[in-house]
Amino acid sequence: MLDYNNFYHASNIGNLTELLPLSNAKDSGEKVCYFTPVKAYAVFYLRDKEINHVTCSVTDKGITVYREQFPSQLKKTYQGRSGYLYTCKNNNNIKQAHTDGIWTSVQPVAVSSVCYIEDVYAEILEREKSGEVQIIRYESLSDGQKRENAEVIKDFIIQRGFLTAGTPQARFFNENYPQAWEEAEKSVLI
């Protein structure tokens, strides 16, 4: 059962005593700060913010399920990364968002404790061993699932304009989704 008295926020920035609403929520444009009551889920948000590619969700039992979309995605995305996991007490300003496992606050929230994670990849593997995280590795996907995934990524590449963008996120998709990238290029030429 989930504990809604404690919420977690991941950040690459240390020494925070208060978490401020800075990120723009997509649906309202309102500045918010993101939280989750699932500690293991928060760990996955210690990622490269320029790439911002998180492929996990939370079950109703609080298990974080990570789905690899390309070979060794988990390792490539998280190995060598570090960051801070902040714990905050529920001050009744933290409200459930539209996505399972995600909560937000439009008000500043005081930090009650912080944990430095030296190697996010190692931390995730430890949480997998404990049962807090389930990892669906790319190699376990059927050929149909891989094709379906490539189609979704192809559409995402086109929609975001990555084919002509020189951003870190565009380079990430070009490098890690070569089949989807090729198909996106072909689709644009037609």
N, C-alpha and C. Protein backbone atom coordinates (compact mmCIF):
# COMPACT_ATOMS: atom_id res chain seq x y z
N MET A 1 0.84 -1.19 0.00
CA MET A 1 0.00 0.00 0.00
C MET A 1 0.88 1.25 0.00
N LEU A 2 0.47 2.22 -0.77
CA LEU A 2 1.26 3.45 -0.88
C LEU A 2 1.09 4.34 0.34
N ASP A 3 2.16 5.01 0.70
CA ASP A 3 2.17 5.95 1.81
C ASP A 3 2.04 7.36 1.23
N TYR A 4 0.93 8.02 1.48
CA TYR A 4 0.71 9.36 0.94
C TYR A 4 1.12 10.45 1.92
N ASN A 5 1.89 10.07 2.94
CA ASN A 5 2.43 11.07 3.87
C ASN A 5 3.77 11.59 3.40
N ASN A 6 4.48 10.77 2.61
CA ASN A 6 5.79 11.15 2.09
C ASN A 6 5.74 11.18 0.57
N PHE A 7 6.33 12.22 0.01
CA PHE A 7 6.44 12.34 -1.44
C PHE A 7 7.90 12.55 -1.80
N TYR A 8 8.24 12.17 -3.02
CA TYR A 8 9.63 12.19 -3.46
C TYR A 8 9.77 13.03 -4.72
N HIS A 9 10.91 13.70 -4.80
CA HIS A 9 11.23 14.54 -5.95
C HIS A 9 12.70 14.31 -6.28
N ALA A 10 12.99 14.03 -7.54
CA ALA A 10 14.37 13.80 -7.98
C ALA A 10 14.92 15.06 -8.62
N SER A 11 16.20 15.32 -8.35
CA SER A 11 16.82 16.51 -8.92
C SER A 11 18.31 16.28 -9.10
N ASN A 12 18.87 16.91 -10.12
CA ASN A 12 20.31 16.90 -10.31
C ASN A 12 20.98 17.96 -9.45
N ILE A 13 20.19 18.78 -8.78
CA ILE A 13 20.69 19.90 -7.97
C ILE A 13 20.66 19.52 -6.49
N GLY A 14 21.76 19.75 -5.80
CA GLY A 14 21.86 19.44 -4.38
C GLY A 14 21.57 20.63 -3.50
N ASN A 15 21.51 20.38 -2.20
CA ASN A 15 21.37 21.41 -1.15
C ASN A 15 20.08 22.20 -1.23
N LEU A 16 19.02 21.61 -1.72
CA LEU A 16 17.73 22.32 -1.74
C LEU A 16 17.03 22.12 -0.41
N THR A 17 16.45 23.18 0.11
CA THR A 17 15.68 23.09 1.36
C THR A 17 14.19 23.26 1.09
N GLU A 18 13.89 23.76 -0.10
CA GLU A 18 12.51 23.97 -0.51
C GLU A 18 12.42 23.70 -2.01
N LEU A 19 11.35 23.01 -2.41
CA LEU A 19 11.15 22.70 -3.83
C LEU A 19 10.13 23.68 -4.39
N LEU A 20 10.54 24.38 -5.43
CA LEU A 20 9.72 25.44 -5.99
C LEU A 20 9.06 25.00 -7.29
N PRO A 21 7.85 25.47 -7.54
CA PRO A 21 7.22 25.18 -8.83
C PRO A 21 7.91 25.95 -9.94
N LEU A 22 8.58 25.22 -10.83
CA LEU A 22 9.32 25.85 -11.91
C LEU A 22 8.93 25.33 -13.28
N SER A 23 8.61 24.05 -13.35
CA SER A 23 8.31 23.43 -14.64
C SER A 23 6.92 23.84 -15.11
N ASN A 24 6.78 24.03 -16.40
CA ASN A 24 5.48 24.35 -16.96
C ASN A 24 4.70 23.08 -17.22
N ALA A 25 3.52 22.98 -16.64
CA ALA A 25 2.66 21.83 -16.91
C ALA A 25 2.13 21.96 -18.33
N LYS A 26 2.14 20.88 -19.09
CA LYS A 26 1.75 20.92 -20.50
C LYS A 26 0.31 21.35 -20.72
N ASP A 27 -0.59 20.89 -19.87
CA ASP A 27 -2.00 21.15 -20.14
C ASP A 27 -2.49 22.53 -19.69
N SER A 28 -1.85 23.12 -18.68
CA SER A 28 -2.38 24.39 -18.19
C SER A 28 -1.40 25.56 -18.33
N GLY A 29 -0.12 25.27 -18.52
CA GLY A 29 0.87 26.34 -18.58
C GLY A 29 1.23 26.84 -17.19
N GLU A 30 0.59 26.32 -16.16
CA GLU A 30 0.84 26.72 -14.78
C GLU A 30 2.16 26.12 -14.30
N LYS A 31 2.92 26.88 -13.54
CA LYS A 31 4.18 26.37 -13.01
C LYS A 31 3.89 25.43 -11.85
N VAL A 32 4.54 24.25 -11.90
CA VAL A 32 4.33 23.23 -10.89
C VAL A 32 5.65 22.59 -10.51
N CYS A 33 5.65 21.87 -9.41
CA CYS A 33 6.75 21.01 -9.01
C CYS A 33 6.18 19.60 -8.97
N TYR A 34 6.93 18.64 -9.50
CA TYR A 34 6.45 17.27 -9.61
C TYR A 34 6.92 16.40 -8.45
N PHE A 35 6.04 15.49 -8.01
CA PHE A 35 6.31 14.57 -6.92
C PHE A 35 5.73 13.20 -7.25
N THR A 36 6.12 12.22 -6.46
CA THR A 36 5.51 10.90 -6.52
C THR A 36 5.55 10.29 -5.11
N PRO A 37 4.54 9.51 -4.76
CA PRO A 37 4.59 8.80 -3.48
C PRO A 37 5.41 7.50 -3.57
N VAL A 38 5.93 7.20 -4.76
CA VAL A 38 6.68 5.95 -5.00
C VAL A 38 8.17 6.28 -5.13
N LYS A 39 8.91 5.96 -4.10
CA LYS A 39 10.34 6.31 -4.06
C LYS A 39 11.10 5.75 -5.25
N ALA A 40 10.86 4.48 -5.60
CA ALA A 40 11.58 3.86 -6.73
C ALA A 40 11.26 4.57 -8.04
N TYR A 41 10.05 5.05 -8.21
CA TYR A 41 9.66 5.75 -9.43
C TYR A 41 10.44 7.06 -9.55
N ALA A 42 10.61 7.76 -8.43
CA ALA A 42 11.34 9.03 -8.43
C ALA A 42 12.78 8.85 -8.92
N VAL A 43 13.39 7.72 -8.59
CA VAL A 43 14.78 7.47 -8.99
C VAL A 43 14.94 7.57 -10.51
N PHE A 44 13.93 7.14 -11.26
CA PHE A 44 14.02 7.17 -12.73
C PHE A 44 14.04 8.59 -13.29
N TYR A 45 13.68 9.57 -12.48
CA TYR A 45 13.70 10.95 -12.95
C TYR A 45 15.06 11.63 -12.72
N LEU A 46 16.04 10.86 -12.27
CA LEU A 46 17.42 11.35 -12.21
C LEU A 46 18.05 11.02 -13.55
N ARG A 47 17.63 11.76 -14.57
CA ARG A 47 18.06 11.51 -15.94
C ARG A 47 18.58 12.79 -16.56
N ASP A 48 19.07 12.66 -17.77
CA ASP A 48 19.54 13.82 -18.52
C ASP A 48 18.32 14.65 -18.92
N LYS A 49 18.19 15.82 -18.38
CA LYS A 49 17.00 16.65 -18.63
C LYS A 49 16.91 17.12 -20.08
N GLU A 50 18.04 17.21 -20.78
CA GLU A 50 17.99 17.61 -22.19
C GLU A 50 17.39 16.52 -23.06
N ILE A 51 17.54 15.27 -22.62
CA ILE A 51 16.97 14.15 -23.38
C ILE A 51 15.56 13.83 -22.88
N ASN A 52 15.39 13.84 -21.57
CA ASN A 52 14.07 13.69 -20.94
C ASN A 52 13.29 12.51 -21.51
N HIS A 53 13.87 11.32 -21.44
CA HIS A 53 13.23 10.13 -21.99
C HIS A 53 13.04 9.11 -20.87
N VAL A 54 11.87 9.12 -20.24
CA VAL A 54 11.55 8.21 -19.15
C VAL A 54 10.48 7.25 -19.65
N THR A 55 10.75 5.95 -19.59
CA THR A 55 9.81 4.97 -20.13
C THR A 55 9.34 4.03 -19.04
N CYS A 56 8.73 4.60 -18.01
CA CYS A 56 8.23 3.76 -16.94
C CYS A 56 6.90 4.28 -16.43
N SER A 57 6.26 3.44 -15.66
CA SER A 57 4.97 3.79 -15.06
C SER A 57 4.89 3.07 -13.71
N VAL A 58 3.80 3.31 -13.00
CA VAL A 58 3.61 2.73 -11.68
C VAL A 58 2.31 1.94 -11.68
N THR A 59 2.35 0.74 -11.12
CA THR A 59 1.13 -0.06 -10.97
C THR A 59 0.34 0.43 -9.75
N ASP A 60 -0.91 -0.03 -9.62
CA ASP A 60 -1.70 0.40 -8.45
C ASP A 60 -1.11 -0.12 -7.14
N LYS A 61 -0.22 -1.10 -7.21
CA LYS A 61 0.42 -1.62 -6.01
C LYS A 61 1.73 -0.89 -5.71
N GLY A 62 2.07 0.11 -6.52
CA GLY A 62 3.27 0.89 -6.27
C GLY A 62 4.54 0.32 -6.86
N ILE A 63 4.43 -0.67 -7.74
CA ILE A 63 5.60 -1.23 -8.41
C ILE A 63 5.91 -0.37 -9.63
N THR A 64 7.16 0.03 -9.78
CA THR A 64 7.59 0.80 -10.94
C THR A 64 7.96 -0.18 -12.05
N VAL A 65 7.36 0.00 -13.23
CA VAL A 65 7.62 -0.87 -14.37
C VAL A 65 8.35 -0.04 -15.42
N TYR A 66 9.58 -0.46 -15.73
CA TYR A 66 10.41 0.21 -16.72
C TYR A 66 10.42 -0.62 -17.99
N ARG A 67 10.15 0.01 -19.12
CA ARG A 67 10.08 -0.70 -20.40
C ARG A 67 11.19 -0.21 -21.33
N GLU A 68 12.15 -1.09 -21.59
CA GLU A 68 13.19 -0.73 -22.54
C GLU A 68 12.61 -0.71 -23.95
N GLN A 69 13.01 0.28 -24.72
CA GLN A 69 12.55 0.43 -26.10
C GLN A 69 13.68 0.21 -27.10
N PHE A 70 14.89 0.08 -26.62
CA PHE A 70 16.04 -0.25 -27.46
C PHE A 70 17.02 -1.05 -26.59
N PRO A 71 17.94 -1.81 -27.19
CA PRO A 71 18.87 -2.64 -26.41
C PRO A 71 19.68 -1.83 -25.40
N SER A 72 19.75 -2.35 -24.19
CA SER A 72 20.53 -1.76 -23.09
C SER A 72 20.11 -0.33 -22.77
N GLN A 73 18.86 0.00 -22.98
CA GLN A 73 18.37 1.36 -22.72
C GLN A 73 18.58 1.77 -21.27
N LEU A 74 18.25 0.90 -20.35
CA LEU A 74 18.38 1.24 -18.93
C LEU A 74 19.82 1.62 -18.59
N LYS A 75 20.76 0.79 -19.02
CA LYS A 75 22.17 1.04 -18.74
C LYS A 75 22.64 2.32 -19.42
N LYS A 76 22.30 2.48 -20.69
CA LYS A 76 22.75 3.65 -21.44
C LYS A 76 22.18 4.95 -20.86
N THR A 77 20.95 4.90 -20.39
CA THR A 77 20.29 6.10 -19.89
C THR A 77 20.74 6.49 -18.48
N TYR A 78 21.04 5.49 -17.63
CA TYR A 78 21.27 5.80 -16.23
C TYR A 78 22.66 5.52 -15.68
N GLN A 79 23.46 4.68 -16.33
CA GLN A 79 24.78 4.37 -15.78
C GLN A 79 25.65 5.62 -15.75
N GLY A 80 26.28 5.85 -14.60
CA GLY A 80 27.15 7.00 -14.44
C GLY A 80 26.42 8.28 -14.02
N ARG A 81 25.12 8.24 -13.96
CA ARG A 81 24.35 9.41 -13.52
C ARG A 81 24.26 9.41 -12.01
N SER A 82 24.17 10.59 -11.44
CA SER A 82 23.99 10.74 -10.00
C SER A 82 22.97 11.85 -9.77
N GLY A 83 22.52 11.96 -8.55
CA GLY A 83 21.57 13.02 -8.24
C GLY A 83 21.03 12.90 -6.83
N TYR A 84 20.02 13.70 -6.56
CA TYR A 84 19.47 13.82 -5.21
C TYR A 84 18.01 13.42 -5.21
N LEU A 85 17.66 12.62 -4.21
CA LEU A 85 16.27 12.22 -4.03
C LEU A 85 15.77 12.92 -2.77
N TYR A 86 14.85 13.85 -2.97
CA TYR A 86 14.31 14.64 -1.87
C TYR A 86 13.01 14.02 -1.36
N THR A 87 12.85 14.02 -0.04
CA THR A 87 11.62 13.57 0.59
C THR A 87 10.92 14.79 1.17
N CYS A 88 9.60 14.85 0.97
CA CYS A 88 8.79 15.95 1.49
C CYS A 88 7.57 15.36 2.18
N LYS A 89 7.16 15.97 3.23
CA LYS A 89 5.93 15.57 3.91
C LYS A 89 4.74 16.16 3.15
N ASN A 90 3.66 15.43 3.14
CA ASN A 90 2.45 15.92 2.47
C ASN A 90 1.91 17.11 3.27
N ASN A 91 1.92 18.26 2.66
CA ASN A 91 1.44 19.48 3.32
C ASN A 91 0.06 19.90 2.80
N ASN A 92 -0.63 18.98 2.17
CA ASN A 92 -1.95 19.20 1.55
C ASN A 92 -1.91 20.14 0.36
N ASN A 93 -0.72 20.57 -0.06
CA ASN A 93 -0.58 21.35 -1.30
C ASN A 93 -0.20 20.44 -2.46
N ILE A 94 0.15 19.20 -2.16
CA ILE A 94 0.54 18.24 -3.19
C ILE A 94 -0.71 17.50 -3.63
N LYS A 95 -1.04 17.65 -4.90
CA LYS A 95 -2.29 17.09 -5.45
C LYS A 95 -1.99 16.08 -6.55
N GLN A 96 -2.85 15.08 -6.67
CA GLN A 96 -2.67 14.06 -7.71
C GLN A 96 -2.86 14.68 -9.09
N ALA A 97 -1.96 14.33 -10.01
CA ALA A 97 -2.03 14.81 -11.39
C ALA A 97 -2.82 13.82 -12.23
N HIS A 98 -2.86 14.06 -13.54
CA HIS A 98 -3.62 13.21 -14.45
C HIS A 98 -2.93 11.89 -14.76
N THR A 99 -1.63 11.78 -14.49
CA THR A 99 -0.86 10.58 -14.78
C THR A 99 -0.67 9.80 -13.49
N ASP A 100 -0.89 8.48 -13.55
CA ASP A 100 -0.70 7.64 -12.36
C ASP A 100 0.71 7.79 -11.82
N GLY A 101 0.82 7.93 -10.51
CA GLY A 101 2.11 8.03 -9.86
C GLY A 101 2.69 9.42 -9.82
N ILE A 102 2.06 10.37 -10.50
CA ILE A 102 2.58 11.75 -10.55
C ILE A 102 1.64 12.67 -9.76
N TRP A 103 2.24 13.47 -8.92
CA TRP A 103 1.53 14.47 -8.14
C TRP A 103 2.22 15.82 -8.37
N THR A 104 1.53 16.91 -8.13
CA THR A 104 2.12 18.22 -8.35
C THR A 104 1.76 19.18 -7.22
N SER A 105 2.53 20.24 -7.13
CA SER A 105 2.22 21.34 -6.22
C SER A 105 2.50 22.64 -6.95
N VAL A 106 1.61 23.60 -6.77
CA VAL A 106 1.83 24.93 -7.33
C VAL A 106 2.41 25.86 -6.26
N GLN A 107 2.57 25.32 -5.06
CA GLN A 107 3.14 26.06 -3.93
C GLN A 107 4.52 25.47 -3.59
N PRO A 108 5.42 26.27 -3.02
CA PRO A 108 6.70 25.71 -2.56
C PRO A 108 6.46 24.63 -1.51
N VAL A 109 7.32 23.61 -1.49
CA VAL A 109 7.19 22.50 -0.54
C VAL A 109 8.53 22.32 0.16
N ALA A 110 8.49 22.28 1.50
CA ALA A 110 9.72 22.14 2.30
C ALA A 110 10.26 20.71 2.18
N VAL A 111 11.58 20.61 2.12
CA VAL A 111 12.26 19.32 2.07
C VAL A 111 12.43 18.81 3.49
N SER A 112 12.08 17.53 3.73
CA SER A 112 12.28 16.96 5.07
C SER A 112 13.56 16.14 5.15
N SER A 113 14.00 15.56 4.01
CA SER A 113 15.27 14.85 3.99
C SER A 113 15.75 14.70 2.54
N VAL A 114 17.02 14.37 2.40
CA VAL A 114 17.60 14.21 1.06
C VAL A 114 18.56 13.02 1.08
N CYS A 115 18.60 12.33 -0.04
CA CYS A 115 19.50 11.18 -0.20
C CYS A 115 20.26 11.38 -1.51
N TYR A 116 21.59 11.34 -1.43
CA TYR A 116 22.40 11.45 -2.64
C TYR A 116 22.55 10.06 -3.24
N ILE A 117 22.29 9.93 -4.52
CA ILE A 117 22.45 8.65 -5.22
C ILE A 117 23.63 8.79 -6.15
N GLU A 118 24.68 8.06 -5.85
CA GLU A 118 25.93 8.18 -6.60
C GLU A 118 25.84 7.56 -7.99
N ASP A 119 25.17 6.40 -8.09
CA ASP A 119 25.05 5.72 -9.38
C ASP A 119 23.59 5.28 -9.55
N VAL A 120 22.86 6.01 -10.34
CA VAL A 120 21.43 5.76 -10.52
C VAL A 120 21.19 4.36 -11.09
N TYR A 121 22.01 3.94 -12.02
CA TYR A 121 21.86 2.60 -12.63
C TYR A 121 21.97 1.51 -11.56
N ALA A 122 22.99 1.59 -10.72
CA ALA A 122 23.16 0.60 -9.65
C ALA A 122 21.98 0.64 -8.68
N GLU A 123 21.48 1.83 -8.39
CA GLU A 123 20.33 1.99 -7.49
C GLU A 123 19.09 1.31 -8.08
N ILE A 124 18.87 1.49 -9.37
CA ILE A 124 17.71 0.87 -10.03
C ILE A 124 17.83 -0.66 -9.99
N LEU A 125 19.02 -1.18 -10.24
CA LEU A 125 19.21 -2.64 -10.21
C LEU A 125 18.97 -3.19 -8.81
N GLU A 126 19.37 -2.45 -7.77
CA GLU A 126 19.10 -2.87 -6.39
C GLU A 126 17.60 -2.89 -6.12
N ARG A 127 16.90 -1.89 -6.62
CA ARG A 127 15.44 -1.83 -6.43
C ARG A 127 14.73 -2.92 -7.24
N GLU A 128 15.34 -3.34 -8.34
CA GLU A 128 14.79 -4.47 -9.09
C GLU A 128 14.91 -5.75 -8.25
N LYS A 129 16.07 -5.94 -7.62
CA LYS A 129 16.28 -7.12 -6.77
C LYS A 129 15.30 -7.16 -5.61
N SER A 130 14.96 -6.00 -5.06
CA SER A 130 14.05 -5.94 -3.91
C SER A 130 12.58 -6.09 -4.32
N GLY A 131 12.30 -6.02 -5.63
CA GLY A 131 10.93 -6.16 -6.10
C GLY A 131 10.19 -4.84 -6.26
N GLU A 132 10.85 -3.73 -5.95
CA GLU A 132 10.20 -2.42 -6.10
C GLU A 132 10.09 -2.01 -7.57
N VAL A 133 10.96 -2.58 -8.40
CA VAL A 133 11.04 -2.24 -9.82
C VAL A 133 10.97 -3.52 -10.64
N GLN A 134 10.21 -3.46 -11.72
CA GLN A 134 10.18 -4.54 -12.70
C GLN A 134 10.73 -3.94 -14.00
N ILE A 135 11.72 -4.62 -14.59
CA ILE A 135 12.32 -4.13 -15.82
C ILE A 135 11.94 -5.08 -16.96
N ILE A 136 11.29 -4.54 -17.96
CA ILE A 136 10.98 -5.31 -19.16
C ILE A 136 12.06 -4.96 -20.17
N ARG A 137 13.00 -5.88 -20.32
CA ARG A 137 14.15 -5.63 -21.18
C ARG A 137 13.80 -5.81 -22.66
N TYR A 138 14.47 -5.05 -23.48
CA TYR A 138 14.21 -5.04 -24.92
C TYR A 138 14.27 -6.45 -25.51
N GLU A 139 15.22 -7.23 -25.07
CA GLU A 139 15.42 -8.58 -25.61
C GLU A 139 14.21 -9.48 -25.37
N SER A 140 13.40 -9.17 -24.37
CA SER A 140 12.24 -10.02 -24.05
C SER A 140 11.01 -9.65 -24.88
N LEU A 141 11.08 -8.56 -25.63
CA LEU A 141 9.93 -8.14 -26.44
C LEU A 141 9.79 -9.03 -27.67
N SER A 142 8.55 -9.25 -28.08
CA SER A 142 8.31 -10.00 -29.31
C SER A 142 8.66 -9.11 -30.50
N ASP A 143 8.80 -9.74 -31.67
CA ASP A 143 9.07 -8.96 -32.88
C ASP A 143 7.95 -7.97 -33.15
N GLY A 144 6.72 -8.37 -32.88
CA GLY A 144 5.57 -7.49 -33.07
C GLY A 144 5.63 -6.28 -32.15
N GLN A 145 6.02 -6.50 -30.90
CA GLN A 145 6.14 -5.38 -29.95
C GLN A 145 7.25 -4.43 -30.39
N LYS A 146 8.34 -4.99 -30.89
CA LYS A 146 9.46 -4.15 -31.35
C LYS A 146 9.03 -3.31 -32.56
N ARG A 147 8.29 -3.92 -33.48
CA ARG A 147 7.80 -3.17 -34.66
C ARG A 147 6.82 -2.08 -34.24
N GLU A 148 5.91 -2.42 -33.33
CA GLU A 148 4.93 -1.43 -32.85
C GLU A 148 5.64 -0.27 -32.17
N ASN A 149 6.64 -0.57 -31.36
CA ASN A 149 7.43 0.46 -30.68
C ASN A 149 8.13 1.35 -31.70
N ALA A 150 8.73 0.75 -32.73
CA ALA A 150 9.43 1.52 -33.76
C ALA A 150 8.48 2.46 -34.49
N GLU A 151 7.26 2.02 -34.72
CA GLU A 151 6.25 2.85 -35.40
C GLU A 151 5.88 4.06 -34.53
N VAL A 152 5.68 3.82 -33.25
CA VAL A 152 5.35 4.92 -32.33
C VAL A 152 6.50 5.93 -32.27
N ILE A 153 7.72 5.43 -32.17
CA ILE A 153 8.89 6.30 -32.11
C ILE A 153 9.06 7.07 -33.42
N LYS A 154 8.83 6.42 -34.55
CA LYS A 154 8.91 7.09 -35.86
C LYS A 154 7.96 8.29 -35.88
N ASP A 155 6.72 8.07 -35.46
CA ASP A 155 5.75 9.16 -35.43
C ASP A 155 6.18 10.28 -34.48
N PHE A 156 6.77 9.91 -33.35
CA PHE A 156 7.25 10.89 -32.37
C PHE A 156 8.38 11.73 -32.97
N ILE A 157 9.30 11.07 -33.68
CA ILE A 157 10.42 11.77 -34.33
C ILE A 157 9.89 12.81 -35.32
N ILE A 158 8.91 12.42 -36.11
CA ILE A 158 8.32 13.34 -37.10
C ILE A 158 7.58 14.48 -36.39
N GLN A 159 6.74 14.11 -35.43
CA GLN A 159 5.92 15.11 -34.72
C GLN A 159 6.79 16.17 -34.03
N ARG A 160 7.90 15.76 -33.44
CA ARG A 160 8.77 16.69 -32.72
C ARG A 160 9.76 17.43 -33.62
N GLY A 161 9.78 17.09 -34.90
CA GLY A 161 10.69 17.77 -35.82
C GLY A 161 12.15 17.42 -35.60
N PHE A 162 12.41 16.24 -35.07
CA PHE A 162 13.78 15.84 -34.75
C PHE A 162 14.66 15.66 -35.98
N LEU A 163 14.07 15.35 -37.13
CA LEU A 163 14.88 15.09 -38.33
C LEU A 163 15.75 16.29 -38.71
N THR A 164 15.29 17.48 -38.41
CA THR A 164 16.06 18.68 -38.76
C THR A 164 16.59 19.42 -37.53
N ALA A 165 16.36 18.86 -36.36
CA ALA A 165 16.82 19.51 -35.12
C ALA A 165 18.20 18.97 -34.75
N GLY A 166 19.03 19.82 -34.26
CA GLY A 166 20.36 19.40 -33.81
C GLY A 166 20.45 19.32 -32.30
N THR A 167 19.34 19.07 -31.65
CA THR A 167 19.30 19.06 -30.19
C THR A 167 19.84 17.74 -29.62
N PRO A 168 20.22 17.75 -28.35
CA PRO A 168 20.65 16.48 -27.72
C PRO A 168 19.55 15.42 -27.79
N GLN A 169 18.30 15.81 -27.64
CA GLN A 169 17.21 14.84 -27.70
C GLN A 169 17.09 14.25 -29.10
N ALA A 170 17.22 15.05 -30.14
CA ALA A 170 17.17 14.55 -31.51
C ALA A 170 18.32 13.59 -31.77
N ARG A 171 19.53 13.92 -31.30
CA ARG A 171 20.68 13.03 -31.47
C ARG A 171 20.47 11.71 -30.74
N PHE A 172 19.87 11.78 -29.56
CA PHE A 172 19.56 10.58 -28.78
C PHE A 172 18.66 9.64 -29.57
N PHE A 173 17.61 10.18 -30.17
CA PHE A 173 16.68 9.35 -30.95
C PHE A 173 17.34 8.82 -32.22
N ASN A 174 18.15 9.62 -32.86
CA ASN A 174 18.85 9.19 -34.07
C ASN A 174 19.78 8.02 -33.75
N GLU A 175 20.51 8.13 -32.67
CA GLU A 175 21.48 7.11 -32.28
C GLU A 175 20.83 5.82 -31.77
N ASN A 176 19.76 5.93 -31.00
CA ASN A 176 19.21 4.77 -30.32
C ASN A 176 18.01 4.12 -31.01
N TYR A 177 17.43 4.82 -31.94
CA TYR A 177 16.29 4.29 -32.68
C TYR A 177 16.57 4.39 -34.18
N PRO A 178 17.64 3.75 -34.67
CA PRO A 178 18.02 3.92 -36.07
C PRO A 178 16.94 3.48 -37.06
N GLN A 179 16.24 2.38 -36.77
CA GLN A 179 15.19 1.92 -37.68
C GLN A 179 14.04 2.92 -37.74
N ALA A 180 13.61 3.39 -36.59
CA ALA A 180 12.52 4.38 -36.53
C ALA A 180 12.94 5.67 -37.22
N TRP A 181 14.20 6.06 -37.04
CA TRP A 181 14.72 7.29 -37.68
C TRP A 181 14.70 7.15 -39.20
N GLU A 182 15.16 6.00 -39.69
CA GLU A 182 15.15 5.75 -41.15
C GLU A 182 13.73 5.79 -41.71
N GLU A 183 12.81 5.15 -41.00
CA GLU A 183 11.41 5.13 -41.44
C GLU A 183 10.82 6.54 -41.41
N ALA A 184 11.21 7.34 -40.42
CA ALA A 184 10.73 8.72 -40.35
C ALA A 184 11.24 9.51 -41.55
N GLU A 185 12.51 9.33 -41.89
CA GLU A 185 13.08 10.02 -43.05
C GLU A 185 12.34 9.62 -44.33
N LYS A 186 12.06 8.34 -44.48
CA LYS A 186 11.33 7.87 -45.67
C LYS A 186 9.93 8.46 -45.72
N SER A 187 9.26 8.52 -44.58
CA SER A 187 7.89 9.05 -44.53
C SER A 187 7.82 10.52 -44.93
N VAL A 188 8.84 11.28 -44.52
CA VAL A 188 8.87 12.70 -44.83
C VAL A 188 9.14 12.93 -46.30
N LEU A 189 9.91 12.07 -46.92
CA LEU A 189 10.23 12.19 -48.35
C LEU A 189 9.06 11.85 -49.24
N ILE A 190 8.14 11.04 -48.76
CA ILE A 190 7.00 10.60 -49.59
C ILE A 190 6.02 11.72 -49.83
